[in-house]
Protein backbone atom coordinates (compact mmCIF):
# COMPACT_ATOMS: atom_id res chain seq x y z
CA MET A 1 -6.70 -44.66 -8.08
CA THR A 2 -6.21 -47.99 -9.89
CA SER A 3 -6.87 -48.88 -13.50
CA HIS A 4 -9.37 -50.96 -15.42
CA PRO A 5 -12.31 -51.75 -13.12
CA PRO A 6 -15.15 -53.86 -14.45
CA LEU A 7 -17.89 -51.84 -16.14
CA PHE A 8 -21.05 -53.65 -15.22
CA GLY A 9 -24.46 -53.88 -16.82
CA ILE A 10 -26.55 -50.79 -17.14
CA ALA A 11 -23.67 -48.49 -16.11
CA HIS A 12 -21.72 -49.56 -19.19
CA GLN A 13 -24.71 -48.77 -21.41
CA LEU A 14 -25.33 -45.47 -19.67
CA ALA A 15 -21.70 -44.39 -19.99
CA GLY A 16 -21.79 -45.15 -23.72
CA LEU A 17 -25.04 -43.25 -24.11
CA VAL A 18 -23.64 -40.14 -22.38
CA ALA A 19 -20.46 -40.31 -24.48
CA THR A 20 -22.63 -40.42 -27.61
CA VAL A 21 -24.58 -37.33 -26.55
CA ILE A 22 -21.33 -35.49 -25.80
CA ARG A 23 -19.90 -36.33 -29.24
CA GLU A 24 -23.04 -35.03 -30.91
CA LEU A 25 -23.26 -31.88 -28.81
CA ARG A 26 -19.67 -30.67 -28.53
CA PRO A 27 -19.33 -29.34 -32.13
CA ARG A 28 -22.56 -27.38 -31.71
CA LEU A 29 -21.34 -25.73 -28.52
CA ILE A 30 -17.98 -24.87 -30.08
CA GLU A 31 -19.76 -23.29 -33.03
CA ALA A 32 -21.94 -21.29 -30.62
CA ALA A 33 -18.84 -20.04 -28.80
CA LEU A 34 -16.95 -19.07 -31.96
CA SER A 35 -19.95 -17.39 -33.59
CA GLY A 36 -21.23 -15.67 -30.46
CA ASN A 37 -24.72 -16.99 -31.25
CA ARG A 38 -25.58 -18.59 -27.92
CA SER A 39 -29.24 -19.34 -28.74
CA GLU A 40 -30.61 -18.27 -25.37
CA SER A 41 -34.25 -19.19 -24.77
CA ARG A 42 -36.74 -17.85 -22.23
CA ASN A 43 -36.64 -20.13 -19.19
CA THR A 44 -40.22 -20.54 -18.01
CA ARG A 45 -39.37 -23.25 -15.46
CA HIS A 46 -36.40 -21.59 -13.75
CA SER A 47 -36.54 -17.86 -14.46
CA ASP A 48 -33.13 -17.08 -12.91
CA ASN A 49 -31.26 -19.71 -14.94
CA PHE A 50 -29.79 -19.50 -18.44
CA LEU A 51 -31.50 -21.79 -20.98
CA SER A 52 -30.34 -22.47 -24.53
CA LYS A 53 -31.71 -24.48 -27.41
CA TYR A 54 -28.98 -26.99 -26.64
CA ASP A 55 -30.51 -27.77 -23.22
CA LEU A 56 -33.81 -28.50 -24.93
CA TRP A 57 -32.20 -30.55 -27.70
CA MET A 58 -30.38 -32.70 -25.14
CA HIS A 59 -33.59 -33.19 -23.17
CA GLU A 60 -35.21 -34.74 -26.24
CA ARG A 61 -32.11 -36.66 -27.31
CA TYR A 62 -31.70 -38.29 -23.92
CA ARG A 63 -35.30 -39.44 -23.98
CA GLU A 64 -34.78 -41.05 -27.41
CA LEU A 65 -31.57 -42.85 -26.45
CA LEU A 66 -32.69 -43.92 -22.98
CA THR A 67 -35.77 -45.60 -24.44
CA GLU A 68 -33.46 -47.81 -26.51
CA ILE A 69 -31.90 -49.33 -23.37
CA ILE A 70 -34.75 -49.00 -20.81
CA PRO A 71 -38.17 -50.01 -22.17
CA SER A 72 -40.17 -48.29 -19.42
CA TYR A 73 -39.14 -45.66 -16.88
CA VAL A 74 -40.09 -42.35 -15.30
CA TYR A 75 -38.23 -39.58 -17.12
CA ALA A 76 -37.40 -36.81 -14.66
CA SER A 77 -35.53 -34.09 -16.56
CA GLU A 78 -34.76 -30.57 -15.37
CA GLU A 79 -36.44 -29.29 -18.52
CA ALA A 80 -39.93 -30.81 -18.06
CA ASP A 81 -42.31 -32.37 -15.56
CA PRO A 82 -41.70 -36.08 -14.85
CA GLN A 83 -43.40 -38.41 -17.32
CA VAL A 84 -43.82 -42.17 -17.66
CA ILE A 85 -42.14 -43.59 -20.77
CA GLY A 86 -43.19 -47.01 -22.11
CA ASP A 87 -46.07 -49.39 -21.45
CA ASP A 88 -45.63 -49.97 -17.72
CA PRO A 89 -47.76 -47.42 -15.81
CA GLU A 90 -45.63 -47.90 -12.66
CA PRO A 91 -42.07 -48.63 -13.81
CA ASP A 92 -39.47 -49.37 -11.15
CA LEU A 93 -36.77 -47.18 -12.65
CA CYS A 94 -36.68 -43.40 -12.54
CA VAL A 95 -34.10 -41.67 -14.74
CA LEU A 96 -33.07 -38.27 -13.41
CA VAL A 97 -31.42 -36.02 -16.03
CA ASP A 98 -29.85 -32.57 -16.05
CA PRO A 99 -29.22 -32.40 -19.80
CA LEU A 100 -26.72 -29.52 -19.80
CA ASP A 101 -25.34 -28.17 -16.54
CA THR A 102 -23.55 -24.79 -16.62
CA SER A 103 -25.12 -24.15 -20.01
CA GLU A 104 -24.22 -20.45 -19.84
CA MET A 105 -20.56 -21.51 -19.72
CA ALA A 106 -21.03 -24.33 -22.24
CA VAL A 107 -22.13 -21.99 -25.02
CA ARG A 108 -18.86 -20.12 -24.42
CA ALA A 109 -16.92 -23.43 -24.71
CA LEU A 110 -15.54 -22.92 -21.19
CA TYR A 111 -17.23 -25.64 -19.11
CA GLY A 112 -20.09 -28.00 -19.77
CA TYR A 113 -21.44 -31.03 -17.93
CA THR A 114 -24.33 -33.45 -18.23
CA HIS A 115 -25.86 -35.61 -15.46
CA VAL A 116 -27.84 -38.87 -15.55
CA LEU A 117 -28.88 -41.02 -12.60
CA ILE A 118 -30.92 -44.24 -12.63
CA TYR A 119 -32.89 -44.77 -9.43
CA SER A 120 -34.70 -47.96 -8.42
CA ARG A 121 -37.96 -47.10 -6.72
CA SER A 122 -38.20 -50.59 -5.17
CA LEU A 123 -34.69 -50.31 -3.68
CA ALA A 124 -35.22 -46.62 -2.80
CA ARG A 125 -31.70 -45.77 -4.00
CA PRO A 126 -29.70 -45.18 -7.16
CA ILE A 127 -28.25 -48.11 -9.09
CA ALA A 128 -26.17 -46.17 -11.62
CA ALA A 129 -25.08 -42.60 -12.33
CA VAL A 130 -22.97 -40.89 -14.99
CA VAL A 131 -21.67 -37.33 -15.06
CA GLY A 132 -20.17 -36.32 -18.40
CA ASP A 133 -17.55 -33.61 -18.92
CA ILE A 134 -18.08 -32.22 -22.41
CA PHE A 135 -14.75 -30.45 -22.98
CA HIS A 136 -12.12 -32.46 -21.07
CA HIS A 137 -10.18 -35.69 -21.63
CA LEU A 138 -11.44 -37.15 -18.34
CA GLN A 139 -14.91 -37.44 -19.79
CA ILE A 140 -17.15 -39.89 -17.91
CA TYR A 141 -17.50 -40.14 -14.13
CA ALA A 142 -19.71 -43.04 -13.12
CA ALA A 143 -20.86 -45.28 -10.32
CA ALA A 144 -22.98 -48.41 -10.28
CA ARG A 145 -24.23 -51.17 -8.05
CA ASP A 146 -22.57 -54.48 -8.93
CA ASP A 147 -24.02 -58.01 -8.70
CA ASP A 148 -22.93 -58.25 -5.06
CA GLY A 149 -24.78 -55.07 -4.14
CA GLN A 150 -21.59 -53.02 -3.77
CA GLU A 151 -21.33 -49.53 -5.23
CA ARG A 152 -18.19 -48.80 -7.22
CA ALA A 153 -17.02 -45.60 -8.89
CA PHE A 154 -14.77 -44.98 -11.88
CA VAL A 155 -13.73 -42.34 -14.42
CA ILE A 156 -13.35 -43.03 -18.15
CA THR A 157 -11.14 -40.98 -20.48
CA GLN A 158 -12.18 -39.90 -23.96
CA ASP A 159 -10.21 -42.79 -25.44
CA GLY A 160 -12.22 -45.26 -23.34
CA THR A 161 -9.70 -46.08 -20.61
CA PRO A 162 -11.39 -46.64 -17.22
CA HIS A 163 -9.83 -45.93 -13.83
CA ALA A 164 -11.32 -47.00 -10.51
CA LEU A 165 -11.98 -44.29 -7.93
CA ARG A 166 -11.42 -45.04 -4.25
CA LEU A 167 -10.63 -42.44 -1.60
CA ASP A 168 -8.20 -43.48 1.12
CA ARG A 169 -6.93 -40.25 2.64
CA SER A 170 -7.92 -37.45 5.00
CA THR A 171 -6.49 -34.04 4.10
CA PRO A 172 -6.26 -31.38 6.84
CA LEU A 173 -8.53 -28.41 6.21
CA GLY A 174 -5.58 -26.03 6.07
CA GLU A 175 -4.11 -28.00 3.15
CA SER A 176 -7.36 -28.62 1.26
CA LEU A 177 -8.78 -27.38 -2.00
CA VAL A 178 -12.38 -26.51 -1.13
CA THR A 179 -14.71 -25.58 -3.98
CA ASN A 180 -18.00 -23.73 -4.23
CA PHE A 181 -20.30 -22.57 -6.99
CA PHE A 182 -19.84 -18.83 -6.41
CA MET A 183 -20.57 -17.60 -9.94
CA LYS A 184 -23.56 -15.39 -9.04
CA PRO A 185 -22.22 -12.28 -7.27
CA SER A 186 -24.91 -11.36 -4.72
CA GLU A 187 -26.56 -14.76 -4.37
CA ARG A 188 -23.45 -16.90 -3.89
CA PHE A 189 -20.13 -15.04 -3.98
CA ILE A 190 -20.84 -12.54 -1.21
CA PRO A 191 -22.06 -15.22 1.26
CA LEU A 192 -18.87 -17.20 0.58
CA ALA A 193 -16.62 -14.15 1.00
CA GLN A 194 -18.23 -13.49 4.38
CA GLN A 195 -17.11 -16.87 5.77
CA ALA A 196 -14.20 -15.43 7.73
CA GLY A 197 -13.69 -18.54 9.85
CA LEU A 198 -13.35 -20.81 6.82
CA MET A 199 -11.00 -18.37 5.10
CA GLU A 200 -8.86 -18.21 8.24
CA GLU A 201 -8.59 -22.00 8.44
CA LEU A 202 -7.69 -22.28 4.76
CA SER A 203 -5.02 -19.60 5.22
CA ARG A 204 -3.44 -21.26 8.25
CA PRO A 205 0.21 -22.19 7.58
CA ALA A 206 1.31 -25.82 7.81
CA ALA A 207 4.23 -26.95 9.99
CA ASP A 208 6.68 -25.99 7.23
CA GLY A 209 5.16 -22.52 6.93
CA ALA A 210 3.49 -23.11 3.56
CA ARG A 211 -0.09 -21.94 3.07
CA ARG A 212 -1.66 -24.67 0.94
CA GLY A 213 -5.38 -24.10 1.53
CA ARG A 214 -7.31 -22.95 -1.51
CA ILE A 215 -10.82 -21.88 -2.55
CA GLY A 216 -11.87 -22.89 -6.08
CA VAL A 217 -14.97 -22.70 -8.24
CA ASP A 218 -16.79 -25.86 -9.29
CA PHE A 219 -20.18 -26.74 -10.72
CA GLY A 220 -22.98 -29.07 -9.67
CA SER A 221 -22.43 -32.81 -9.64
CA ILE A 222 -19.05 -32.54 -11.33
CA GLY A 223 -17.74 -30.86 -8.19
CA LEU A 224 -18.50 -33.98 -6.16
CA CYS A 225 -16.97 -36.13 -8.91
CA HIS A 226 -13.75 -34.14 -8.68
CA ILE A 227 -13.61 -35.00 -4.96
CA ALA A 228 -14.25 -38.67 -5.78
CA ALA A 229 -11.30 -38.60 -8.19
CA GLY A 230 -9.01 -36.88 -5.67
CA PHE A 231 -8.66 -33.70 -7.75
CA SER A 232 -10.21 -31.54 -5.01
CA ASP A 233 -10.87 -32.23 -1.35
CA ALA A 234 -14.30 -30.79 -0.57
CA MET A 235 -17.25 -28.81 -1.92
CA ILE A 236 -19.59 -26.61 0.09
CA GLU A 237 -23.06 -25.25 -0.63
CA PHE A 238 -24.73 -23.16 2.06
CA ALA A 239 -26.39 -20.30 0.13
CA LYS A 240 -29.21 -21.26 -2.25
CA GLY A 241 -28.85 -25.03 -2.16
CA PHE A 242 -28.46 -27.48 -5.04
CA ALA A 243 -31.49 -28.89 -6.84
CA THR A 244 -31.93 -32.66 -6.76
CA TRP A 245 -30.69 -33.10 -10.34
CA ASP A 246 -27.54 -31.09 -9.52
CA LEU A 247 -26.65 -33.04 -6.36
CA ALA A 248 -27.89 -36.63 -6.73
CA PRO A 249 -25.61 -38.05 -9.50
CA GLY A 250 -22.43 -36.63 -7.98
CA HIS A 251 -23.59 -37.59 -4.48
CA TYR A 252 -23.93 -41.23 -5.56
CA ILE A 253 -20.54 -41.26 -7.34
CA LEU A 254 -18.73 -39.64 -4.40
CA GLN A 255 -20.30 -42.00 -1.86
CA ALA A 256 -19.40 -45.00 -4.03
CA ALA A 257 -15.79 -43.77 -4.05
CA GLY A 258 -15.74 -43.58 -0.25
CA GLY A 259 -16.45 -39.90 0.30
CA THR A 260 -19.14 -38.29 2.41
CA VAL A 261 -21.96 -35.76 1.98
CA LEU A 262 -23.38 -34.10 5.11
CA ASP A 263 -26.17 -31.58 5.58
CA LEU A 264 -25.39 -28.42 7.52
CA GLU A 265 -26.40 -30.14 10.76
CA GLY A 266 -23.68 -32.71 10.21
CA ARG A 267 -26.03 -35.55 9.25
CA PRO A 268 -25.36 -37.79 6.21
CA ILE A 269 -27.68 -36.97 3.32
CA PRO A 270 -29.37 -40.26 2.37
CA LEU A 271 -29.35 -41.68 -1.14
CA ASP A 272 -33.11 -42.27 -0.85
CA TYR A 273 -34.44 -39.17 -2.60
CA GLY A 274 -38.07 -40.14 -2.03
CA PHE A 275 -39.01 -41.11 -5.59
CA GLY A 276 -41.89 -43.37 -4.50
CA THR A 277 -44.61 -42.15 -6.88
CA VAL A 278 -44.64 -39.82 -9.86
CA ALA A 279 -46.14 -37.19 -7.55
CA ASP A 280 -43.25 -37.76 -5.12
CA ILE A 281 -40.75 -37.36 -7.96
CA THR A 282 -42.39 -34.10 -9.04
CA LYS A 283 -42.14 -32.80 -5.47
CA ALA A 284 -38.52 -33.97 -5.13
CA MET A 285 -37.60 -31.90 -8.18
CA GLU A 286 -38.47 -28.81 -6.12
CA ASP A 287 -36.18 -29.73 -3.20
CA ARG A 288 -32.86 -28.00 -2.57
CA TYR A 289 -29.91 -29.28 -0.55
CA LYS A 290 -27.29 -27.39 1.42
CA PHE A 291 -24.32 -29.57 2.17
CA VAL A 292 -20.64 -30.22 2.72
CA ALA A 293 -19.16 -32.93 0.47
CA ALA A 294 -15.67 -34.15 1.32
CA SER A 295 -13.12 -36.86 0.74
CA SER A 296 -13.37 -37.86 4.42
CA LEU A 297 -15.72 -37.46 7.36
CA PRO A 298 -13.14 -35.62 9.53
CA LEU A 299 -12.60 -33.01 6.81
CA ALA A 300 -16.36 -32.52 6.37
CA ARG A 301 -16.75 -31.98 10.11
CA ASP A 302 -13.85 -29.53 10.23
CA ILE A 303 -15.42 -27.49 7.45
CA LEU A 304 -18.77 -27.42 9.24
CA SER A 305 -17.04 -26.21 12.38
CA ALA A 306 -15.43 -23.37 10.43
CA ILE A 307 -18.62 -22.18 8.69
CA THR A 308 -21.02 -19.73 10.33
CA PHE A 309 -24.72 -19.55 9.46
CA SER A 310 -26.89 -16.48 9.70
């Protein structure tokens, strides 16, 4: 990981926008945690997910701020159906937003993340993505397509210092930190606990006898960003699947850093999420992805070999 990469074009604006939203939101979440008033709302779109007034506030705030830097775009937020913003009836850019990921944890001031991805419909791929960490010093994870068509990834601290992200290692499975979103007991934790082959591989001692393999919890796109930064080695999702807004921003950032994301058949998941028309975008919001994300292709394949599917 080297310091001070160039922050180019729209990615620079997007990173600043997300940092602004975080600054505005964090005091409200801390107050919710300290008061115990978590402002839960009925979630009519996703009945099994927690929804707070802060999710809805961020949905509106993002739309206001995005319109200041992108005159016309398709706004595809988790909290509403996709809509065209601006005068162009067929804008090239689609902005995918998960305003507040892990909101049930965020209102407890434990964890909180926010995802934004800008997708070019003409290129059929993302051109910029930002994942913001509301409560930590390493605040902005981002990737963007530069003028030469190369994707580059970086992380920015709260004080504005950027660091380039580039993976250049392959960790053995037995020495890896593998994460999973196993917060829901029956839906996610039990299926993970039943992966005896994976647990055996992670418990296998190294040549010096040390058992370094670990299972950890992580959340949505930030989990893939942590791999991109080298903080963890892999993330798996084989139970319910991640929604498009949970996977796509982190997928783009990890791939730009040199990592890999495979489906459970071992095939790379493409960055073309099929956002051709507004109807296509609406349909894509219903898709779910099961995957292995890893710092290297050999590690991803080793994990797939260790997992069993019912």
